[in-house]
N, C-alpha and C. Protein backbone atom coordinates (compact mmCIF):
# COMPACT_ATOMS: atom_id res chain seq x y z
N MET A 1 23.91 8.57 58.61
CA MET A 1 22.58 8.56 58.05
C MET A 1 22.64 9.12 56.65
N SER A 2 21.90 8.40 55.76
CA SER A 2 21.96 8.86 54.32
C SER A 2 20.97 10.05 54.09
N ASN A 3 21.28 10.86 53.12
CA ASN A 3 20.54 12.03 52.70
C ASN A 3 19.52 11.55 51.71
N HIS A 4 19.54 10.31 51.26
CA HIS A 4 18.66 9.82 50.20
C HIS A 4 17.32 9.44 50.93
N PRO A 5 16.21 9.73 50.31
CA PRO A 5 14.87 9.28 50.81
C PRO A 5 14.82 7.77 50.80
N ARG A 6 14.11 7.19 51.79
CA ARG A 6 13.88 5.77 51.83
C ARG A 6 12.79 5.35 50.98
N ARG A 7 13.04 4.37 50.11
CA ARG A 7 11.98 3.96 49.16
C ARG A 7 11.56 2.51 49.51
N TYR A 8 10.33 2.24 49.44
CA TYR A 8 9.76 0.91 49.78
C TYR A 8 9.17 0.28 48.45
N TYR A 9 9.98 -0.59 47.88
CA TYR A 9 9.51 -1.17 46.58
C TYR A 9 9.39 -2.73 46.78
N GLY A 10 8.72 -3.30 45.80
CA GLY A 10 8.53 -4.81 45.91
C GLY A 10 7.38 -5.20 46.83
N THR A 11 6.52 -4.21 47.18
CA THR A 11 5.50 -4.62 48.06
C THR A 11 4.12 -4.65 47.28
N ASN A 12 4.17 -4.33 46.00
CA ASN A 12 2.95 -4.30 45.15
C ASN A 12 2.00 -3.15 45.57
N ASP A 13 2.47 -2.18 46.27
CA ASP A 13 1.67 -1.01 46.65
C ASP A 13 1.58 -0.13 45.45
N LEU A 14 0.63 0.86 45.48
CA LEU A 14 0.60 1.85 44.46
C LEU A 14 1.63 2.96 45.02
N HIS A 15 2.07 3.84 44.20
CA HIS A 15 3.02 4.85 44.46
C HIS A 15 2.46 6.12 44.03
N PHE A 16 2.30 7.10 45.13
CA PHE A 16 1.91 8.40 44.84
C PHE A 16 3.26 9.31 44.76
N ILE A 17 3.52 9.72 43.49
CA ILE A 17 4.79 10.41 43.30
C ILE A 17 4.59 11.87 42.94
N THR A 18 5.47 12.68 43.50
CA THR A 18 5.38 14.16 43.28
C THR A 18 6.70 14.51 42.82
N CYS A 19 6.75 15.30 41.85
CA CYS A 19 8.10 15.77 41.29
C CYS A 19 7.91 17.18 40.87
N SER A 20 8.81 18.07 41.25
CA SER A 20 8.74 19.48 41.01
C SER A 20 9.70 19.91 39.91
N CYS A 21 9.38 20.94 39.18
CA CYS A 21 10.28 21.54 38.20
C CYS A 21 11.39 22.21 38.98
N TYR A 22 12.54 22.27 38.30
CA TYR A 22 13.72 22.87 38.98
C TYR A 22 13.42 24.25 39.42
N ARG A 23 13.67 24.48 40.76
CA ARG A 23 13.38 25.75 41.39
C ARG A 23 11.99 26.35 41.14
N ARG A 24 11.06 25.30 40.97
CA ARG A 24 9.61 25.70 40.78
C ARG A 24 9.34 26.49 39.50
N GLN A 25 10.26 26.33 38.54
CA GLN A 25 10.05 27.11 37.29
C GLN A 25 8.90 26.34 36.55
N PRO A 26 8.16 27.20 35.91
CA PRO A 26 6.92 26.62 35.15
C PRO A 26 7.21 25.98 33.82
N TRP A 27 8.08 24.89 33.84
CA TRP A 27 8.43 24.22 32.63
C TRP A 27 7.25 23.57 31.89
N LEU A 28 6.17 23.37 32.60
CA LEU A 28 4.93 22.82 32.09
C LEU A 28 3.75 23.71 31.94
N ALA A 29 4.18 25.06 31.76
CA ALA A 29 3.17 26.06 31.73
C ALA A 29 2.34 26.14 30.46
N SER A 30 2.81 25.61 29.36
CA SER A 30 2.05 25.63 28.10
C SER A 30 1.36 24.33 27.79
N PRO A 31 0.23 24.38 27.14
CA PRO A 31 -0.44 23.20 26.79
C PRO A 31 0.41 22.20 25.95
N GLN A 32 1.23 22.68 25.08
CA GLN A 32 2.13 21.93 24.31
C GLN A 32 3.18 21.18 25.16
N ARG A 33 3.60 21.80 26.12
CA ARG A 33 4.59 21.08 27.05
C ARG A 33 3.94 20.02 27.95
N ARG A 34 2.80 20.36 28.37
CA ARG A 34 2.00 19.34 29.20
C ARG A 34 1.65 18.12 28.19
N ASP A 35 1.27 18.37 26.99
CA ASP A 35 1.07 17.40 26.08
C ASP A 35 2.33 16.55 25.79
N LEU A 36 3.40 17.18 25.65
CA LEU A 36 4.70 16.52 25.57
C LEU A 36 4.93 15.64 26.76
N PHE A 37 4.80 16.15 27.89
CA PHE A 37 4.95 15.37 29.20
C PHE A 37 4.10 14.07 29.13
N LEU A 38 2.84 14.25 28.78
CA LEU A 38 1.99 13.05 28.77
C LEU A 38 2.38 12.08 27.68
N ALA A 39 2.94 12.53 26.63
CA ALA A 39 3.44 11.64 25.54
C ALA A 39 4.62 10.86 26.08
N VAL A 40 5.44 11.49 26.75
CA VAL A 40 6.63 10.82 27.28
C VAL A 40 6.24 9.86 28.42
N PHE A 41 5.30 10.33 29.27
CA PHE A 41 4.79 9.42 30.29
C PHE A 41 4.16 8.09 29.75
N GLU A 42 3.48 8.24 28.60
CA GLU A 42 2.86 7.07 28.02
C GLU A 42 3.94 6.15 27.40
N GLU A 43 4.98 6.72 26.83
CA GLU A 43 6.07 5.93 26.25
C GLU A 43 6.70 5.07 27.44
N VAL A 44 6.95 5.79 28.55
CA VAL A 44 7.66 5.13 29.58
C VAL A 44 6.77 4.11 30.24
N ARG A 45 5.48 4.37 30.33
CA ARG A 45 4.48 3.44 30.82
C ARG A 45 4.57 2.09 29.99
N ARG A 46 4.60 2.22 28.66
CA ARG A 46 4.66 1.07 27.85
C ARG A 46 5.93 0.36 28.05
N ARG A 47 7.05 1.07 28.11
CA ARG A 47 8.37 0.38 28.26
C ARG A 47 8.51 -0.33 29.49
N TYR A 48 8.05 0.23 30.70
CA TYR A 48 8.28 -0.39 32.03
C TYR A 48 6.97 -1.08 32.47
N ARG A 49 5.94 -1.08 31.62
CA ARG A 49 4.71 -1.77 32.05
C ARG A 49 4.12 -1.66 33.49
N PHE A 50 3.68 -0.50 33.64
CA PHE A 50 2.97 -0.26 34.98
C PHE A 50 1.58 0.33 34.68
N VAL A 51 0.81 0.30 35.67
CA VAL A 51 -0.64 0.81 35.59
C VAL A 51 -0.67 2.20 36.14
N VAL A 52 -1.29 3.03 35.31
CA VAL A 52 -1.54 4.40 35.76
C VAL A 52 -2.97 4.53 36.38
N VAL A 53 -2.96 4.88 37.62
CA VAL A 53 -4.25 4.99 38.35
C VAL A 53 -4.75 6.41 38.27
N GLY A 54 -3.78 7.38 38.26
CA GLY A 54 -4.18 8.76 38.19
C GLY A 54 -2.87 9.65 37.94
N TYR A 55 -3.19 10.91 37.42
CA TYR A 55 -1.96 11.71 37.22
C TYR A 55 -2.57 13.20 37.12
N VAL A 56 -1.64 14.15 37.32
CA VAL A 56 -1.97 15.53 36.93
C VAL A 56 -0.70 16.15 36.65
N ALA A 57 -0.61 16.98 35.57
CA ALA A 57 0.52 17.79 35.18
C ALA A 57 0.14 19.18 35.35
N MET A 58 0.89 19.83 36.31
CA MET A 58 0.61 21.24 36.68
C MET A 58 1.77 22.05 36.04
N PRO A 59 1.66 23.38 36.06
CA PRO A 59 2.78 24.19 35.41
C PRO A 59 4.12 24.00 36.06
N GLY A 60 4.20 23.72 37.28
CA GLY A 60 5.54 23.59 38.00
C GLY A 60 5.71 22.30 38.66
N HIS A 61 4.85 21.32 38.62
CA HIS A 61 5.15 19.97 39.14
C HIS A 61 4.13 18.98 38.53
N ILE A 62 4.35 17.69 38.94
CA ILE A 62 3.47 16.64 38.52
C ILE A 62 3.17 15.75 39.72
N HIS A 63 2.12 15.17 39.66
CA HIS A 63 1.60 14.03 40.64
C HIS A 63 1.25 12.77 39.77
N LEU A 64 1.72 11.66 40.21
CA LEU A 64 1.40 10.37 39.52
C LEU A 64 0.91 9.40 40.61
N LEU A 65 -0.05 8.59 40.24
CA LEU A 65 -0.44 7.42 41.22
C LEU A 65 -0.30 6.23 40.30
N ILE A 66 0.74 5.43 40.47
CA ILE A 66 1.10 4.31 39.56
C ILE A 66 1.25 2.97 40.37
N SER A 67 1.13 1.93 39.65
CA SER A 67 1.58 0.74 40.25
C SER A 67 3.03 0.46 40.15
N GLU A 68 3.57 -0.58 40.85
CA GLU A 68 4.92 -0.95 40.63
C GLU A 68 5.09 -1.55 39.22
N PRO A 69 6.11 -1.07 38.56
CA PRO A 69 6.38 -1.56 37.15
C PRO A 69 6.79 -3.00 37.07
N GLU A 70 6.38 -3.67 35.91
CA GLU A 70 6.87 -5.05 35.80
C GLU A 70 8.33 -5.07 35.49
N LYS A 71 8.87 -3.98 34.85
CA LYS A 71 10.31 -3.94 34.68
C LYS A 71 10.88 -2.78 35.53
N GLY A 72 11.99 -2.98 36.22
CA GLY A 72 12.53 -1.99 37.00
C GLY A 72 11.78 -1.53 38.33
N ASP A 73 11.85 -0.32 38.70
CA ASP A 73 11.16 0.09 39.93
C ASP A 73 10.73 1.51 39.67
N PRO A 74 10.00 2.13 40.56
CA PRO A 74 9.53 3.49 40.38
C PRO A 74 10.67 4.55 40.19
N SER A 75 11.81 4.20 40.83
CA SER A 75 12.87 5.12 40.60
C SER A 75 13.42 5.17 39.17
N ARG A 76 13.45 3.95 38.57
CA ARG A 76 13.81 3.84 37.13
C ARG A 76 12.82 4.57 36.21
N VAL A 77 11.52 4.28 36.50
CA VAL A 77 10.43 4.96 35.84
C VAL A 77 10.66 6.51 35.81
N MET A 78 10.86 7.02 37.10
CA MET A 78 11.02 8.51 37.24
C MET A 78 12.22 8.93 36.47
N GLN A 79 13.28 8.25 36.49
CA GLN A 79 14.49 8.62 35.77
C GLN A 79 14.17 8.75 34.23
N ALA A 80 13.48 7.75 33.72
CA ALA A 80 13.10 7.70 32.28
C ALA A 80 12.13 8.85 31.92
N ILE A 81 11.20 9.11 32.73
CA ILE A 81 10.23 10.17 32.54
C ILE A 81 10.97 11.51 32.47
N LYS A 82 11.76 11.74 33.54
CA LYS A 82 12.54 13.08 33.69
C LYS A 82 13.48 13.30 32.49
N GLN A 83 14.27 12.23 32.24
CA GLN A 83 15.30 12.33 31.13
C GLN A 83 14.56 12.48 29.76
N GLY A 84 13.61 11.71 29.52
CA GLY A 84 12.87 11.82 28.27
C GLY A 84 12.20 13.12 27.90
N PHE A 85 11.55 13.62 28.99
CA PHE A 85 10.97 14.98 28.85
C PHE A 85 12.03 15.99 28.68
N SER A 86 12.95 16.00 29.62
CA SER A 86 13.96 17.03 29.55
C SER A 86 14.77 17.14 28.24
N ARG A 87 15.11 15.99 27.70
CA ARG A 87 15.86 15.93 26.46
C ARG A 87 15.11 16.59 25.37
N ARG A 88 13.88 16.07 25.21
CA ARG A 88 12.99 16.61 24.17
C ARG A 88 12.64 18.13 24.28
N LEU A 89 12.36 18.50 25.54
CA LEU A 89 12.03 19.92 25.76
C LEU A 89 13.21 20.86 25.51
N LEU A 90 14.39 20.45 26.08
CA LEU A 90 15.61 21.35 25.94
C LEU A 90 16.03 21.46 24.46
N LYS A 91 15.91 20.24 23.71
CA LYS A 91 16.25 20.26 22.36
C LYS A 91 15.42 21.31 21.53
N ALA A 92 14.04 21.26 21.86
CA ALA A 92 13.22 22.21 21.17
C ALA A 92 13.43 23.70 21.62
N VAL A 93 13.82 23.85 22.83
CA VAL A 93 14.12 25.21 23.40
C VAL A 93 15.33 25.76 22.71
N ARG A 94 16.45 24.96 22.59
CA ARG A 94 17.66 25.38 21.94
C ARG A 94 17.46 25.65 20.45
N ARG A 95 16.69 24.79 19.81
CA ARG A 95 16.41 24.96 18.41
C ARG A 95 15.69 26.35 18.20
N GLY A 96 14.89 26.74 19.11
CA GLY A 96 14.16 27.99 18.90
C GLY A 96 14.92 29.24 19.21
N ARG A 97 16.11 29.17 19.71
CA ARG A 97 16.96 30.26 20.01
C ARG A 97 17.60 30.89 18.73
N VAL A 98 17.81 32.05 18.77
CA VAL A 98 18.58 32.77 17.67
C VAL A 98 20.10 32.41 17.92
N ALA A 99 20.75 32.20 16.80
CA ALA A 99 22.15 31.82 16.89
C ALA A 99 23.05 32.77 17.74
N ALA A 100 22.70 34.01 17.85
CA ALA A 100 23.54 34.91 18.69
C ALA A 100 23.22 34.63 20.16
N GLN A 101 22.05 34.08 20.50
CA GLN A 101 21.81 33.81 21.85
C GLN A 101 22.49 32.54 22.33
N GLN A 102 22.80 31.63 21.50
CA GLN A 102 23.39 30.34 21.90
C GLN A 102 24.60 30.47 22.85
N GLU A 103 25.44 31.41 22.49
CA GLU A 103 26.60 31.57 23.40
C GLU A 103 26.37 32.20 24.74
N LEU A 104 25.22 32.70 24.96
CA LEU A 104 24.82 33.24 26.22
C LEU A 104 24.45 32.09 27.27
N PHE A 105 24.14 30.86 26.74
CA PHE A 105 23.75 29.83 27.58
C PHE A 105 24.87 28.74 27.49
N ALA A 106 25.32 28.38 28.73
CA ALA A 106 26.30 27.23 28.83
C ALA A 106 25.55 25.95 28.40
N VAL A 107 26.23 25.13 27.56
CA VAL A 107 25.62 23.87 27.27
C VAL A 107 25.47 22.99 28.53
N GLY A 108 24.24 22.47 28.64
CA GLY A 108 23.98 21.55 29.81
C GLY A 108 23.68 22.31 31.01
N SER A 109 23.52 23.69 31.01
CA SER A 109 23.30 24.41 32.27
C SER A 109 21.88 24.42 32.66
N GLU A 110 20.96 24.14 31.78
CA GLU A 110 19.55 24.17 32.07
C GLU A 110 19.12 22.92 32.80
N HIS A 111 18.24 23.10 33.78
CA HIS A 111 17.69 21.97 34.54
C HIS A 111 16.17 22.09 34.44
N VAL A 112 15.53 20.92 34.30
CA VAL A 112 14.08 21.02 34.13
C VAL A 112 13.54 20.47 35.43
N TRP A 113 14.06 19.47 36.06
CA TRP A 113 13.44 18.78 37.17
C TRP A 113 14.39 19.04 38.51
N GLN A 114 13.74 18.97 39.63
CA GLN A 114 14.41 18.86 40.87
C GLN A 114 15.12 17.50 40.86
N ARG A 115 16.21 17.29 41.63
CA ARG A 115 16.97 16.11 41.58
C ARG A 115 16.12 14.87 42.08
N ARG A 116 15.30 15.07 43.11
CA ARG A 116 14.66 13.96 43.79
C ARG A 116 13.15 14.05 43.49
N PHE A 117 12.47 13.01 43.94
CA PHE A 117 11.08 13.05 43.92
C PHE A 117 10.53 12.52 45.18
N TYR A 118 9.23 12.76 45.50
CA TYR A 118 8.60 12.34 46.72
C TYR A 118 7.76 11.12 46.24
N ASP A 119 7.89 10.02 47.12
CA ASP A 119 7.23 8.75 46.78
C ASP A 119 6.48 8.30 48.13
N PHE A 120 5.15 8.12 48.05
CA PHE A 120 4.35 7.76 49.15
C PHE A 120 3.71 6.40 48.78
N ASN A 121 3.91 5.32 49.54
CA ASN A 121 3.28 3.99 49.34
C ASN A 121 1.82 4.13 49.65
N VAL A 122 0.87 3.76 48.76
CA VAL A 122 -0.45 3.77 49.03
C VAL A 122 -1.07 2.28 49.04
N TRP A 123 -1.48 1.88 50.19
CA TRP A 123 -1.85 0.52 50.30
C TRP A 123 -3.28 0.24 50.71
N THR A 124 -4.10 1.30 50.85
CA THR A 124 -5.50 1.08 51.13
C THR A 124 -6.41 1.93 50.06
N ALA A 125 -7.61 1.43 49.91
CA ALA A 125 -8.57 1.97 49.10
C ALA A 125 -8.78 3.41 49.50
N ARG A 126 -8.90 3.70 50.76
CA ARG A 126 -9.17 4.99 51.30
C ARG A 126 -8.07 5.98 50.93
N LYS A 127 -6.76 5.57 51.08
CA LYS A 127 -5.61 6.45 50.65
C LYS A 127 -5.62 6.69 49.10
N ARG A 128 -6.01 5.63 48.36
CA ARG A 128 -6.04 5.75 46.83
C ARG A 128 -7.00 6.79 46.53
N ILE A 129 -8.20 6.81 47.09
CA ILE A 129 -9.17 7.86 46.81
C ILE A 129 -8.83 9.18 47.28
N GLU A 130 -8.15 9.28 48.47
CA GLU A 130 -7.69 10.55 48.98
C GLU A 130 -6.60 11.15 47.98
N LYS A 131 -5.69 10.34 47.50
CA LYS A 131 -4.59 10.86 46.64
C LYS A 131 -5.15 11.23 45.27
N LEU A 132 -6.19 10.50 44.68
CA LEU A 132 -6.89 10.81 43.53
C LEU A 132 -7.53 12.18 43.69
N GLY A 133 -8.26 12.32 44.80
CA GLY A 133 -8.96 13.59 45.07
C GLY A 133 -8.02 14.73 45.12
N TYR A 134 -6.86 14.61 45.86
CA TYR A 134 -5.84 15.58 45.91
C TYR A 134 -5.32 16.07 44.57
N MET A 135 -5.02 14.91 43.77
CA MET A 135 -4.46 15.33 42.41
C MET A 135 -5.44 16.07 41.58
N HIS A 136 -6.74 15.65 41.56
CA HIS A 136 -7.82 16.17 40.68
C HIS A 136 -8.22 17.56 41.14
N GLN A 137 -8.04 17.78 42.47
CA GLN A 137 -8.47 19.13 42.99
C GLN A 137 -7.35 20.17 42.73
N ASN A 138 -6.15 19.70 42.55
CA ASN A 138 -4.94 20.50 42.42
C ASN A 138 -5.13 21.74 41.48
N PRO A 139 -5.61 21.55 40.25
CA PRO A 139 -5.74 22.64 39.33
C PRO A 139 -6.76 23.79 39.86
N VAL A 140 -7.83 23.23 40.61
CA VAL A 140 -8.84 24.07 41.15
C VAL A 140 -8.12 24.95 42.32
N VAL A 141 -7.42 24.26 43.20
CA VAL A 141 -6.72 24.96 44.29
C VAL A 141 -5.81 25.97 43.82
N ARG A 142 -5.03 25.73 42.68
CA ARG A 142 -4.17 26.69 42.14
C ARG A 142 -4.76 27.83 41.29
N GLY A 143 -6.11 27.72 41.23
CA GLY A 143 -6.90 28.76 40.41
C GLY A 143 -6.80 28.66 38.94
N LEU A 144 -6.40 27.42 38.47
CA LEU A 144 -6.32 27.29 37.04
C LEU A 144 -7.67 26.90 36.29
N VAL A 145 -8.52 26.36 37.09
CA VAL A 145 -9.93 26.03 36.50
C VAL A 145 -10.88 26.12 37.69
N LYS A 146 -12.13 26.06 37.35
CA LYS A 146 -13.23 26.15 38.33
C LYS A 146 -13.54 24.77 38.90
N VAL A 147 -13.56 23.88 38.14
CA VAL A 147 -13.95 22.45 38.58
C VAL A 147 -12.80 21.53 37.98
N PRO A 148 -12.52 20.35 38.75
CA PRO A 148 -11.46 19.49 38.13
C PRO A 148 -11.58 18.93 36.72
N GLU A 149 -12.86 18.74 36.34
CA GLU A 149 -13.04 18.18 35.02
C GLU A 149 -12.59 19.19 33.88
N GLN A 150 -12.33 20.49 34.15
CA GLN A 150 -11.95 21.39 33.11
C GLN A 150 -10.49 21.23 32.82
N TRP A 151 -9.63 20.61 33.72
CA TRP A 151 -8.20 20.54 33.48
C TRP A 151 -7.97 19.36 32.61
N ALA A 152 -7.49 19.67 31.36
CA ALA A 152 -7.30 18.42 30.35
C ALA A 152 -6.06 17.62 30.67
N TRP A 153 -5.15 18.03 31.53
CA TRP A 153 -3.85 17.26 31.82
C TRP A 153 -3.92 16.57 33.12
N SER A 154 -5.02 15.85 33.29
CA SER A 154 -5.33 15.16 34.65
C SER A 154 -6.16 13.94 34.18
N SER A 155 -6.15 12.89 35.07
CA SER A 155 -6.88 11.72 34.94
C SER A 155 -8.33 11.87 35.18
N CYS A 156 -8.73 13.08 35.80
CA CYS A 156 -10.02 13.35 36.22
C CYS A 156 -11.11 13.09 35.16
N ARG A 157 -10.90 13.54 33.93
CA ARG A 157 -11.84 13.41 32.90
C ARG A 157 -12.10 11.96 32.51
N SER A 158 -11.04 11.10 32.65
CA SER A 158 -11.21 9.67 32.42
C SER A 158 -12.23 9.12 33.43
N TYR A 159 -12.09 9.44 34.69
CA TYR A 159 -12.95 8.98 35.71
C TYR A 159 -14.35 9.54 35.57
N VAL A 160 -14.49 10.76 35.30
CA VAL A 160 -15.86 11.52 35.37
C VAL A 160 -16.52 11.16 33.97
N PHE A 161 -15.92 11.30 32.90
CA PHE A 161 -16.61 11.24 31.55
C PHE A 161 -16.24 9.96 30.78
N GLY A 162 -15.31 9.16 31.24
CA GLY A 162 -14.82 7.96 30.57
C GLY A 162 -14.10 8.31 29.26
N GLU A 163 -13.47 9.53 29.30
CA GLU A 163 -12.70 9.95 28.06
C GLU A 163 -11.49 9.10 27.91
N GLU A 164 -11.15 9.02 26.69
CA GLU A 164 -9.84 8.36 26.29
C GLU A 164 -8.74 9.12 26.88
N ALA A 165 -7.87 8.57 27.71
CA ALA A 165 -6.72 9.22 28.26
C ALA A 165 -5.46 9.00 27.45
N PRO A 166 -4.49 9.98 27.61
CA PRO A 166 -3.23 9.74 26.91
C PRO A 166 -2.48 8.54 27.46
N CYS A 167 -2.81 8.12 28.70
CA CYS A 167 -2.23 6.95 29.28
C CYS A 167 -3.18 5.83 29.10
N GLU A 168 -2.84 4.76 28.27
CA GLU A 168 -3.75 3.81 28.04
C GLU A 168 -4.31 3.06 29.19
N SER A 169 -3.59 2.78 30.27
CA SER A 169 -4.01 1.95 31.25
C SER A 169 -5.16 2.48 32.08
N ILE A 170 -5.45 3.81 31.96
CA ILE A 170 -6.70 4.30 32.62
C ILE A 170 -7.74 4.58 31.62
N SER A 171 -7.59 4.39 30.37
CA SER A 171 -8.58 4.66 29.40
C SER A 171 -9.78 3.82 29.49
N GLY A 172 -9.76 2.65 30.12
CA GLY A 172 -10.89 1.79 30.27
C GLY A 172 -11.76 2.13 31.49
N VAL A 173 -11.48 3.24 32.19
CA VAL A 173 -12.27 3.59 33.43
C VAL A 173 -13.63 4.01 32.98
N LYS A 174 -14.59 3.41 33.66
CA LYS A 174 -16.05 3.80 33.43
C LYS A 174 -16.35 5.11 34.09
N PRO A 175 -17.23 5.98 33.46
CA PRO A 175 -17.53 7.25 33.98
C PRO A 175 -18.36 6.92 35.27
N ARG A 176 -18.23 7.83 36.23
CA ARG A 176 -18.91 7.73 37.46
C ARG A 176 -20.13 8.61 37.56
N SER A 177 -21.11 8.18 38.26
CA SER A 177 -22.25 9.00 38.46
C SER A 177 -21.87 10.17 39.34
N LYS A 178 -22.64 11.28 39.33
CA LYS A 178 -22.30 12.42 40.19
C LYS A 178 -22.20 12.04 41.65
N SER A 179 -23.00 11.11 42.08
CA SER A 179 -23.02 10.72 43.54
C SER A 179 -21.66 9.88 43.85
N ARG A 180 -20.96 9.43 42.86
CA ARG A 180 -19.85 8.53 43.10
C ARG A 180 -18.48 9.35 42.77
N ARG A 181 -18.56 10.52 42.46
CA ARG A 181 -17.35 11.40 42.38
C ARG A 181 -16.77 11.65 43.64
N ARG A 182 -16.07 10.82 44.25
CA ARG A 182 -15.67 10.92 45.63
C ARG A 182 -14.75 12.13 45.96
N TRP A 183 -13.97 12.53 45.00
CA TRP A 183 -13.07 13.56 45.31
C TRP A 183 -13.79 14.93 45.44
N HIS A 184 -15.11 14.95 44.96
CA HIS A 184 -15.82 16.17 45.11
C HIS A 184 -16.37 16.35 46.66
N ARG A 185 -16.33 15.23 47.22
CA ARG A 185 -16.86 15.19 48.70
C ARG A 185 -15.80 15.70 49.66
N PHE A 186 -14.62 15.70 49.24
CA PHE A 186 -13.59 16.17 50.16
C PHE A 186 -13.65 17.72 50.34
N PRO A 187 -13.34 18.24 51.52
CA PRO A 187 -13.36 19.70 51.64
C PRO A 187 -12.35 20.34 50.78
N PRO A 188 -12.52 21.60 50.33
CA PRO A 188 -11.52 22.14 49.46
C PRO A 188 -10.12 22.31 50.11
N LEU A 189 -9.19 22.02 49.36
CA LEU A 189 -7.83 21.95 49.87
C LEU A 189 -7.38 23.48 50.02
N GLN A 190 -6.47 23.73 50.97
CA GLN A 190 -5.92 25.02 51.25
C GLN A 190 -4.78 25.29 50.28
N LYS A 191 -4.68 26.48 49.74
CA LYS A 191 -3.59 26.88 48.84
C LYS A 191 -2.26 26.72 49.65
N THR A 192 -1.27 26.23 48.83
CA THR A 192 0.15 26.15 49.48
C THR A 192 1.04 27.25 48.90
C-alpha cells in the first residue's frame, strides 16, 4: 500500500484543497506575504487555466476551491503555487538578512510548505456551498476578524460585495443579498 494520498482527477469535479505551512509556521502572517501568495496564485491560475470558485489565505495554511485546470492537473497547480511562493518569499527573506547572519542558515534548509496537500473532490452544489462557508468562516473561527467580510485575503468579499478579486475568475461574481449569504446560515465552526 502506498503512502501517497489517492487523487481523483479527470472527473471535472471541483477540488477543495488545503495546504499547510511547514510545521504550521505562520509564513503567511503578514498582509504583504498574503498579497504575495495571491499574486502567485493568480499567475498560476492564468498559466494552467482553471476557475477559482473560492479561496482563503490564513497565517499558517490556505484553502482553495478550484476547477480542474485546462493544462495539467491540481497536483501540478499546487506544485507551481508552492514553488512560486516559496522561491519569492525565501529570496526576500535572505535578502533582508545581515551578511553575518547568512552563515547561520544552511542554504536550502528553509521549508515553507508541508510536503503534501489535502484534496477533496466536490461534486454537488451542497458540498460547494459547505466548503465555501467553511473557508469564509475560517478567519472568524481563528479569531482574526469578527465577520468573514472583514478578511481581505478571502473570496468572501467578492461574493458579498462584488469586489474585484486578485483572482480574475471570481471577479465577475455578483453581490448576494443578505438573505442569500448561505455561509452565514451555518452554525459557527468549532476552533481546532
